[in-house]
Amino acid sequence: MSDLKEINFDGIVGPSHNYAGLSLGNIASASHKGDPSYPKAAALQGVAKMRGNLARLGVQGFLLPLPRPNTALARSLAYDGSEPAALRAAPWSASSMWTANAATVSPAPDTKDGKCHLTPANLVTMLHRAQEWPDTKRMLEVAFGNRDHFTVHDIAPMTFGDEGAANHMRFCEGHGSAGVEVFVYGRPGGRFPARQHEQSSRLVARRHGLDHTKCVFIEQNPAAIEAGAFHNDVVSVANERVLFAHAEAFADQAGAYDAIRAAFPALDVVEVPSEAVSIEEAIRTYLFNAQLVTQPDGSMALIVPEECRESQSVWAYCEAMMASNGPIREVIPVDVRQSMANGGGPACLRLRVVCDPANVDPRFMLDDAKADLLEATISAHYPDQIDPADIGNETLASSVIAARKALLDALVIPELS
């Protein structure tokens, strides 16, 4: 399996990107509710991030916006003008851009049958996200359609909340070697919903054919969820041997480290103390909603939002970390402000898939020419601005539908029309 690489599949921001504030527990989304959004700028920011990672890592994939507005959902909600604004906005949500929630992925070295397994997330906790999975599954079946190497499963039962890879980490000596998979779940009952259920995590692990001795199940800190860490990737991120985590990430911090080390003794923990960066500041800046990646020279880099550089405490910690000769040698800020304002940082925008790039449908793999094509298509067809009052407007709907069709036509992916 020497040709296996970790590929980040970023979600292209959809043309209906807006700030309707639909996500309970997502403080950034709630705080920008009602603001105008800028879909064209948002999508171009995303492509720029992908370009940077392509140059830095040598490989990059992407996934496409889902069909919006979702007319089937709109019909089922029986609009008559008396409905709340949140119901009216749900069919327009562009939240599929955060492909960390698209699926949970177990690479071939970890599974009994030697295939890469993907289970789409049911996202049942939030209406605007629960509509995603049928179209997400359809897209995954196209992008990862080589049945000799991939298996795309059905969703977990809708009684078990499943939010995908945002609550999943993998530790390994190298991406192509067998690893230990860690599933982080929340317990219900708090002020904000715990979106990842333990039952769905365990189901996915069984379904993917994982060795139960190489699976670890950890409870997220309820206080972190209350503070706005609605997914584990808001408070921790892993790559190969390294776990980069806030000191308040898990319900039992020491127990979590011990459980991972029992399955993966080489674990290297970089813990950010609360006195250096408060949990509130970590969530506000999305220090941990970052891409922790291995560069071609073997060094690790942390790709963070620009908001981290603008925070005195966060950037002071980052500078000290880079100077410490630890495993994370470089911190790279990127501009994803349009996504950040809706509660999604660099890590939200990508799904990590370890596989041989040659086995992926090439239409979903980025190169410089395709990045040029995406930028030109977005610039020509995406709306410049959407105000929440525009949602439901037929002219805007036509524009959004046409923009997505232009992407599919440019990339020649008629199966997703």
Protein backbone atom coordinates (compact mmCIF):
# COMPACT_ATOMS: atom_id res chain seq x y z
CA MET A 1 0.00 0.00 0.00
CA SER A 2 2.95 2.29 -0.68
CA ASP A 3 0.87 4.54 -2.97
CA LEU A 4 -1.53 5.56 -0.21
CA LYS A 5 -1.63 9.26 0.60
CA GLU A 6 -3.78 11.41 2.81
CA ILE A 7 -5.95 13.54 0.52
CA ASN A 8 -7.92 16.49 1.80
CA PHE A 9 -11.23 16.79 -0.06
CA ASP A 10 -12.39 20.36 0.47
CA GLY A 11 -15.99 21.38 0.00
CA ILE A 12 -16.49 24.05 -2.63
CA VAL A 13 -18.62 26.74 -0.98
CA GLY A 14 -22.07 26.72 -2.53
CA PRO A 15 -23.69 29.68 -4.30
CA SER A 16 -26.45 29.88 -1.64
CA HIS A 17 -23.95 30.58 1.19
CA ASN A 18 -25.83 32.72 3.71
CA TYR A 19 -25.99 33.67 7.38
CA ALA A 20 -29.37 32.47 8.62
CA GLY A 21 -27.99 31.36 11.99
CA LEU A 22 -29.49 27.87 11.81
CA SER A 23 -26.99 25.96 13.96
CA LEU A 24 -27.82 25.82 17.68
CA GLY A 25 -24.63 25.68 19.73
CA ASN A 26 -22.50 27.22 16.97
CA ILE A 27 -21.66 30.59 18.47
CA ALA A 28 -20.12 32.06 15.32
CA SER A 29 -23.18 31.13 13.27
CA ALA A 30 -25.53 32.64 15.84
CA SER A 31 -23.53 35.84 16.21
CA HIS A 32 -23.58 36.56 12.45
CA LYS A 33 -27.24 35.71 11.97
CA GLY A 34 -28.83 38.28 9.69
CA ASP A 35 -25.56 39.58 8.24
CA PRO A 36 -25.12 39.77 4.47
CA SER A 37 -23.00 36.96 3.05
CA TYR A 38 -20.70 36.98 0.04
CA PRO A 39 -20.89 33.62 -1.76
CA LYS A 40 -18.45 34.49 -4.54
CA ALA A 41 -15.80 35.70 -2.09
CA ALA A 42 -16.41 32.68 0.14
CA ALA A 43 -15.93 30.19 -2.68
CA LEU A 44 -12.81 31.95 -3.97
CA GLN A 45 -11.35 31.91 -0.45
CA GLY A 46 -11.92 28.16 -0.39
CA VAL A 47 -10.23 27.62 -3.75
CA ALA A 48 -7.27 29.72 -2.60
CA LYS A 49 -6.91 27.49 0.47
CA MET A 50 -7.00 24.41 -1.76
CA ARG A 51 -4.37 25.93 -4.06
CA GLY A 52 -2.08 26.51 -1.10
CA ASN A 53 -2.45 22.93 0.11
CA LEU A 54 -1.93 21.55 -3.38
CA ALA A 55 1.35 23.43 -3.63
CA ARG A 56 2.32 22.48 -0.09
CA LEU A 57 1.31 18.81 -0.07
CA GLY A 58 1.24 17.82 -3.74
CA VAL A 59 -2.29 16.39 -3.68
CA GLN A 60 -5.76 17.88 -3.09
CA GLY A 61 -9.33 16.88 -3.82
CA PHE A 62 -12.69 18.61 -3.66
CA LEU A 63 -16.39 17.88 -3.28
CA LEU A 64 -19.21 19.86 -4.86
CA PRO A 65 -22.07 21.93 -3.46
CA LEU A 66 -25.33 20.04 -3.05
CA PRO A 67 -28.49 21.10 -4.96
CA ARG A 68 -29.98 24.23 -3.41
CA PRO A 69 -32.61 25.33 -2.76
CA ASN A 70 -33.80 21.85 -1.85
CA THR A 71 -37.27 21.95 -3.38
CA ALA A 72 -38.31 18.59 -1.90
CA LEU A 73 -37.62 19.85 1.62
CA ALA A 74 -39.35 23.14 0.87
CA ARG A 75 -42.47 21.30 -0.29
CA SER A 76 -42.48 19.08 2.78
CA LEU A 77 -42.40 22.14 5.06
CA ALA A 78 -45.68 23.41 3.51
CA TYR A 79 -44.77 27.09 3.32
CA ASP A 80 -47.69 29.50 3.53
CA GLY A 81 -45.97 32.63 4.83
CA SER A 82 -46.57 31.91 8.52
CA GLU A 83 -43.49 29.72 8.96
CA PRO A 84 -40.46 30.88 11.01
CA ALA A 85 -37.55 32.32 9.06
CA ALA A 86 -35.34 29.38 10.08
CA LEU A 87 -37.68 26.93 8.37
CA ARG A 88 -37.79 29.07 5.27
CA ALA A 89 -33.97 29.23 5.19
CA ALA A 90 -33.24 25.54 5.78
CA PRO A 91 -33.64 24.40 2.13
CA TRP A 92 -31.12 27.08 1.12
CA SER A 93 -28.36 26.07 3.52
CA ALA A 94 -24.88 25.76 2.01
CA SER A 95 -23.59 23.83 5.05
CA SER A 96 -22.44 20.88 2.92
CA MET A 97 -19.34 23.02 2.26
CA TRP A 98 -18.08 21.67 5.61
CA THR A 99 -17.11 18.25 4.32
CA ALA A 100 -15.62 17.23 7.67
CA ASN A 101 -19.26 16.33 8.33
CA ALA A 102 -19.78 14.50 5.05
CA ALA A 103 -18.72 11.07 6.30
CA THR A 104 -16.51 9.01 8.58
CA VAL A 105 -13.63 7.41 6.70
CA SER A 106 -11.60 4.31 7.61
CA PRO A 107 -8.62 3.73 5.29
CA ALA A 108 -7.79 0.33 3.79
CA PRO A 109 -4.90 -0.45 6.19
CA ASP A 110 -7.35 -0.39 9.13
CA THR A 111 -10.16 -2.54 7.72
CA LYS A 112 -10.65 -6.31 7.57
CA ASP A 113 -11.32 -6.41 3.83
CA GLY A 114 -8.52 -4.01 2.86
CA LYS A 115 -10.88 -1.44 1.35
CA CYS A 116 -11.44 2.18 2.32
CA HIS A 117 -14.86 2.47 3.98
CA LEU A 118 -16.98 5.63 4.06
CA THR A 119 -20.20 6.08 6.05
CA PRO A 120 -22.10 9.28 5.23
CA ALA A 121 -23.14 11.22 8.33
CA ASN A 122 -26.87 11.39 9.02
CA LEU A 123 -26.57 14.88 10.63
CA VAL A 124 -29.95 14.28 12.21
CA THR A 125 -29.54 16.89 14.98
CA MET A 126 -30.16 19.89 12.72
CA LEU A 127 -32.83 20.10 10.00
CA HIS A 128 -30.70 22.15 7.64
CA ARG A 129 -27.98 19.48 7.80
CA ALA A 130 -30.18 16.38 7.99
CA GLN A 131 -31.24 17.05 4.39
CA GLU A 132 -27.67 16.56 3.13
CA TRP A 133 -26.97 12.85 3.36
CA PRO A 134 -28.81 11.48 0.26
CA ASP A 135 -26.97 13.86 -2.08
CA THR A 136 -23.72 13.44 -0.14
CA LYS A 137 -23.92 9.66 -0.46
CA ARG A 138 -24.65 9.99 -4.17
CA MET A 139 -21.56 12.18 -4.63
CA LEU A 140 -19.32 9.88 -2.58
CA GLU A 141 -20.48 6.96 -4.74
CA VAL A 142 -19.30 8.87 -7.82
CA ALA A 143 -16.02 10.22 -6.42
CA PHE A 144 -15.12 6.91 -4.76
CA GLY A 145 -16.87 4.65 -7.24
CA ASN A 146 -14.06 2.12 -7.67
CA ARG A 147 -15.63 -0.84 -5.85
CA ASP A 148 -12.33 -2.71 -5.74
CA HIS A 149 -10.98 -0.07 -3.37
CA PHE A 150 -13.92 1.73 -1.72
CA THR A 151 -17.17 0.85 0.04
CA VAL A 152 -19.74 3.58 0.61
CA HIS A 153 -22.27 2.59 3.28
CA ASP A 154 -25.73 3.79 4.18
CA ILE A 155 -26.13 6.22 7.06
CA ALA A 156 -26.42 5.15 10.69
CA PRO A 157 -30.01 4.92 11.96
CA MET A 158 -31.52 8.36 12.44
CA THR A 159 -32.04 7.68 16.14
CA PHE A 160 -28.26 7.91 16.59
CA GLY A 161 -26.79 11.34 15.89
CA ASP A 162 -23.78 11.10 13.59
CA GLU A 163 -21.81 14.18 12.55
CA GLY A 164 -19.01 12.45 10.66
CA ALA A 165 -15.27 12.93 10.63
CA ALA A 166 -15.41 16.11 12.71
CA ASN A 167 -15.56 13.71 15.69
CA HIS A 168 -13.06 11.14 14.40
CA MET A 169 -9.27 11.03 14.66
CA ARG A 170 -6.70 8.55 13.41
CA PHE A 171 -3.22 7.83 14.75
CA CYS A 172 -0.56 5.97 12.77
CA GLU A 173 3.16 5.80 12.12
CA GLY A 174 2.50 6.92 8.56
CA HIS A 175 -0.69 7.43 6.62
CA GLY A 176 -0.20 4.23 4.64
CA SER A 177 0.31 2.05 7.72
CA ALA A 178 -2.35 0.49 9.95
CA GLY A 179 -3.73 2.97 12.45
CA VAL A 180 -5.79 3.45 15.58
CA GLU A 181 -9.12 5.20 15.12
CA VAL A 182 -10.54 7.41 17.85
CA PHE A 183 -14.23 8.30 18.04
CA VAL A 184 -15.26 11.24 20.22
CA TYR A 185 -18.88 11.50 21.34
CA GLY A 186 -20.98 13.74 23.53
CA ARG A 187 -23.62 12.98 26.10
CA PRO A 188 -27.05 14.60 25.73
CA GLY A 189 -28.71 16.77 28.33
CA GLY A 190 -26.78 20.03 28.15
CA ARG A 191 -27.80 23.49 27.02
CA PHE A 192 -26.59 22.68 23.50
CA PRO A 193 -27.11 19.33 21.76
CA ALA A 194 -24.37 16.70 21.84
CA ARG A 195 -24.37 15.94 18.15
CA GLN A 196 -22.20 12.80 18.03
CA HIS A 197 -23.68 9.79 19.83
CA GLU A 198 -21.60 6.96 21.20
CA GLN A 199 -23.91 4.39 19.57
CA SER A 200 -23.32 5.78 16.08
CA SER A 201 -19.55 5.83 16.64
CA ARG A 202 -19.53 2.19 17.68
CA LEU A 203 -21.81 1.22 14.79
CA VAL A 204 -19.52 2.89 12.26
CA ALA A 205 -16.48 1.12 13.71
CA ARG A 206 -18.21 -2.27 13.40
CA ARG A 207 -19.54 -1.51 9.94
CA HIS A 208 -16.08 -0.54 8.70
CA GLY A 209 -14.61 -3.83 9.92
CA LEU A 210 -12.16 -2.25 12.35
CA ASP A 211 -10.17 -4.26 14.88
CA HIS A 212 -11.89 -3.45 18.18
CA THR A 213 -8.50 -3.36 19.92
CA LYS A 214 -7.53 -0.53 17.58
CA CYS A 215 -10.60 1.62 18.32
CA VAL A 216 -10.91 4.11 21.16
CA PHE A 217 -14.14 5.82 22.25
CA ILE A 218 -13.79 9.05 24.22
CA GLU A 219 -16.32 11.43 25.70
CA GLN A 220 -16.04 15.09 24.76
CA ASN A 221 -15.95 17.55 27.65
CA PRO A 222 -19.54 18.71 28.30
CA ALA A 223 -18.17 22.11 29.33
CA ALA A 224 -16.51 22.45 25.92
CA ILE A 225 -19.82 21.71 24.20
CA GLU A 226 -21.48 24.33 26.41
CA ALA A 227 -18.78 26.81 25.40
CA GLY A 228 -19.53 26.26 21.70
CA ALA A 229 -17.35 23.26 20.72
CA PHE A 230 -20.20 21.54 18.91
CA HIS A 231 -17.75 19.08 17.28
CA ASN A 232 -14.55 17.56 18.61
CA ASP A 233 -12.52 19.19 15.85
CA VAL A 234 -13.16 22.57 17.50
CA VAL A 235 -10.98 21.49 20.46
CA SER A 236 -8.54 18.89 19.08
CA VAL A 237 -6.93 17.66 15.88
CA ALA A 238 -4.67 14.68 15.16
CA ASN A 239 -2.11 13.71 12.54
CA GLU A 240 0.04 10.57 12.49
CA ARG A 241 1.56 10.36 16.02
CA VAL A 242 0.50 13.83 17.17
CA LEU A 243 -2.59 14.93 19.08
CA PHE A 244 -2.95 18.72 19.32
CA ALA A 245 -5.60 19.39 21.94
CA HIS A 246 -6.91 21.96 24.36
CA ALA A 247 -6.56 21.05 28.03
CA GLU A 248 -10.36 21.06 28.35
CA ALA A 249 -11.16 18.98 25.25
CA PHE A 250 -12.26 15.73 26.89
CA ALA A 251 -14.44 14.76 29.82
CA ASP A 252 -11.49 12.88 31.34
CA GLN A 253 -8.38 14.42 29.82
CA ALA A 254 -5.80 12.10 31.40
CA GLY A 255 -8.03 9.08 30.85
CA ALA A 256 -8.40 9.98 27.18
CA TYR A 257 -4.63 10.13 26.69
CA ASP A 258 -4.18 6.83 28.55
CA ALA A 259 -6.83 5.12 26.42
CA ILE A 260 -5.21 6.26 23.18
CA ARG A 261 -1.72 5.28 24.40
CA ALA A 262 -2.96 1.82 25.34
CA ALA A 263 -3.81 1.27 21.67
CA PHE A 264 -1.11 3.52 20.19
CA PRO A 265 1.94 3.79 22.49
CA ALA A 266 3.75 6.25 20.20
CA LEU A 267 1.22 9.03 20.91
CA ASP A 268 2.78 12.51 21.13
CA VAL A 269 0.45 14.99 22.85
CA VAL A 270 0.74 18.73 22.38
CA GLU A 271 -1.68 20.15 24.95
CA VAL A 272 -2.55 23.83 25.05
CA PRO A 273 -3.08 24.90 28.68
CA SER A 274 -6.12 26.97 29.59
CA GLU A 275 -3.93 29.66 31.10
CA ALA A 276 -2.22 30.14 27.73
CA VAL A 277 -5.39 30.05 25.60
CA SER A 278 -8.82 29.97 27.22
CA ILE A 279 -11.38 27.53 25.88
CA GLU A 280 -13.48 30.53 24.82
CA GLU A 281 -10.61 32.06 22.83
CA ALA A 282 -9.74 28.71 21.28
CA ILE A 283 -13.33 28.39 20.07
CA ARG A 284 -13.57 32.00 18.92
CA THR A 285 -10.40 31.75 16.83
CA TYR A 286 -10.73 28.08 15.84
CA LEU A 287 -7.14 27.31 16.77
CA PHE A 288 -7.94 23.59 16.79
CA ASN A 289 -10.26 23.64 13.79
CA ALA A 290 -7.06 23.58 11.81
CA GLN A 291 -5.45 21.23 9.34
CA LEU A 292 -2.53 19.40 10.94
CA VAL A 293 -0.62 18.00 7.98
CA THR A 294 2.62 16.22 7.19
CA GLN A 295 4.66 18.08 4.58
CA PRO A 296 6.82 16.32 1.96
CA ASP A 297 9.96 16.82 4.10
CA GLY A 298 8.28 15.01 7.00
CA SER A 299 7.67 18.11 9.13
CA MET A 300 4.23 18.98 10.42
CA ALA A 301 2.39 22.23 9.76
CA LEU A 302 -0.78 23.59 11.31
CA ILE A 303 -3.01 25.49 8.87
CA VAL A 304 -5.11 27.90 10.94
CA PRO A 305 -7.58 30.71 10.18
CA GLU A 306 -6.27 34.28 10.04
CA GLU A 307 -8.25 34.94 13.21
CA CYS A 308 -5.56 33.05 15.13
CA ARG A 309 -2.88 35.53 14.07
CA GLU A 310 -5.13 38.39 15.19
CA SER A 311 -5.51 36.99 18.72
CA GLN A 312 -2.70 38.04 21.07
CA SER A 313 -2.91 34.94 23.27
CA VAL A 314 -3.37 32.45 20.46
CA TRP A 315 -0.57 33.83 18.30
CA ALA A 316 1.79 34.09 21.26
CA TYR A 317 1.18 30.40 21.91
CA CYS A 318 1.71 29.54 18.23
CA GLU A 319 5.00 31.44 18.11
CA ALA A 320 6.20 29.71 21.26
CA MET A 321 5.17 26.32 19.86
CA MET A 322 7.09 26.92 16.62
CA ALA A 323 10.18 27.89 18.62
CA SER A 324 9.97 24.88 20.94
CA ASN A 325 11.38 22.29 18.54
CA GLY A 326 8.27 20.18 19.05
CA PRO A 327 6.49 18.15 16.38
CA ILE A 328 4.54 21.11 14.94
CA ARG A 329 7.16 23.26 13.24
CA GLU A 330 5.07 25.72 11.23
CA VAL A 331 1.77 27.55 11.69
CA ILE A 332 0.24 28.86 8.46
CA PRO A 333 -2.71 31.30 8.58
CA VAL A 334 -5.25 31.25 5.74
CA ASP A 335 -8.16 33.54 4.95
CA VAL A 336 -11.48 31.68 5.24
CA ARG A 337 -13.38 34.51 6.90
CA GLN A 338 -16.65 33.89 5.08
CA SER A 339 -16.70 30.31 6.35
CA MET A 340 -15.51 31.34 9.82
CA ALA A 341 -18.41 33.76 10.18
CA ASN A 342 -20.76 30.78 9.84
CA GLY A 343 -18.77 28.62 12.25
CA GLY A 344 -16.41 26.67 9.98
CA GLY A 345 -12.62 26.89 9.94
CA PRO A 346 -10.00 25.20 7.73
CA ALA A 347 -10.69 21.74 9.21
CA CYS A 348 -14.46 22.01 8.73
CA LEU A 349 -13.90 22.52 5.02
CA ARG A 350 -12.13 19.22 4.41
CA LEU A 351 -12.68 15.47 4.55
CA ARG A 352 -9.49 13.44 5.00
CA VAL A 353 -9.30 10.27 2.88
CA VAL A 354 -6.24 8.02 2.90
CA CYS A 355 -6.12 6.22 -0.43
CA ASP A 356 -4.25 5.92 -3.70
CA PRO A 357 -5.14 9.08 -5.70
CA ALA A 358 -5.21 6.94 -8.85
CA ASN A 359 -8.30 5.14 -7.50
CA VAL A 360 -10.34 8.34 -7.09
CA ASP A 361 -12.51 9.66 -9.93
CA PRO A 362 -10.06 12.20 -11.44
CA ARG A 363 -12.81 14.80 -11.86
CA PHE A 364 -12.67 15.32 -8.08
CA MET A 365 -8.90 15.82 -7.95
CA LEU A 366 -7.45 19.33 -8.09
CA ASP A 367 -4.62 20.58 -10.25
CA ASP A 368 -3.63 24.11 -11.22
CA ALA A 369 -5.69 24.09 -14.42
CA LYS A 370 -8.77 22.87 -12.57
CA ALA A 371 -8.26 25.51 -9.89
CA ASP A 372 -8.19 28.12 -12.66
CA LEU A 373 -11.40 26.63 -14.06
CA LEU A 374 -13.12 26.71 -10.66
CA GLU A 375 -12.12 30.33 -10.07
CA ALA A 376 -13.32 31.41 -13.51
CA THR A 377 -16.65 29.60 -13.14
CA ILE A 378 -17.26 30.94 -9.64
CA SER A 379 -16.35 34.47 -10.69
CA ALA A 380 -18.70 34.34 -13.66
CA HIS A 381 -21.75 32.71 -12.05
CA TYR A 382 -21.87 33.07 -8.25
CA PRO A 383 -23.95 35.76 -6.53
CA ASP A 384 -21.84 38.55 -5.05
CA GLN A 385 -24.03 39.01 -1.99
CA ILE A 386 -27.02 37.43 -0.26
CA ASP A 387 -29.06 39.17 2.41
CA PRO A 388 -31.22 36.92 4.62
CA ALA A 389 -34.28 38.77 3.29
CA ASP A 390 -33.38 37.48 -0.21
CA ILE A 391 -33.91 33.85 0.81
CA GLY A 392 -36.94 32.47 -1.01
CA ASN A 393 -36.61 34.94 -3.87
CA GLU A 394 -37.20 33.22 -7.22
CA THR A 395 -34.61 35.29 -9.02
CA LEU A 396 -31.98 34.33 -6.45
CA ALA A 397 -33.05 30.68 -6.65
CA SER A 398 -32.54 30.70 -10.41
CA SER A 399 -29.10 32.27 -9.96
CA VAL A 400 -28.05 29.69 -7.36
CA ILE A 401 -29.26 26.76 -9.46
CA ALA A 402 -27.51 28.11 -12.56
CA ALA A 403 -24.24 28.62 -10.69
CA ARG A 404 -24.15 25.03 -9.46
CA LYS A 405 -25.01 23.77 -12.96
CA ALA A 406 -22.14 25.83 -14.36
CA LEU A 407 -19.76 24.06 -11.96
CA LEU A 408 -21.06 20.62 -12.95
CA ASP A 409 -20.82 21.49 -16.65
CA ALA A 410 -17.31 22.89 -16.31
CA LEU A 411 -16.11 19.80 -14.48
CA VAL A 412 -18.15 17.43 -16.69
CA ILE A 413 -19.95 15.66 -13.84
CA PRO A 414 -23.47 15.16 -15.27
CA GLU A 415 -24.21 12.32 -12.80
CA LEU A 416 -24.80 14.93 -10.07
CA SER A 417 -27.14 17.16 -12.07
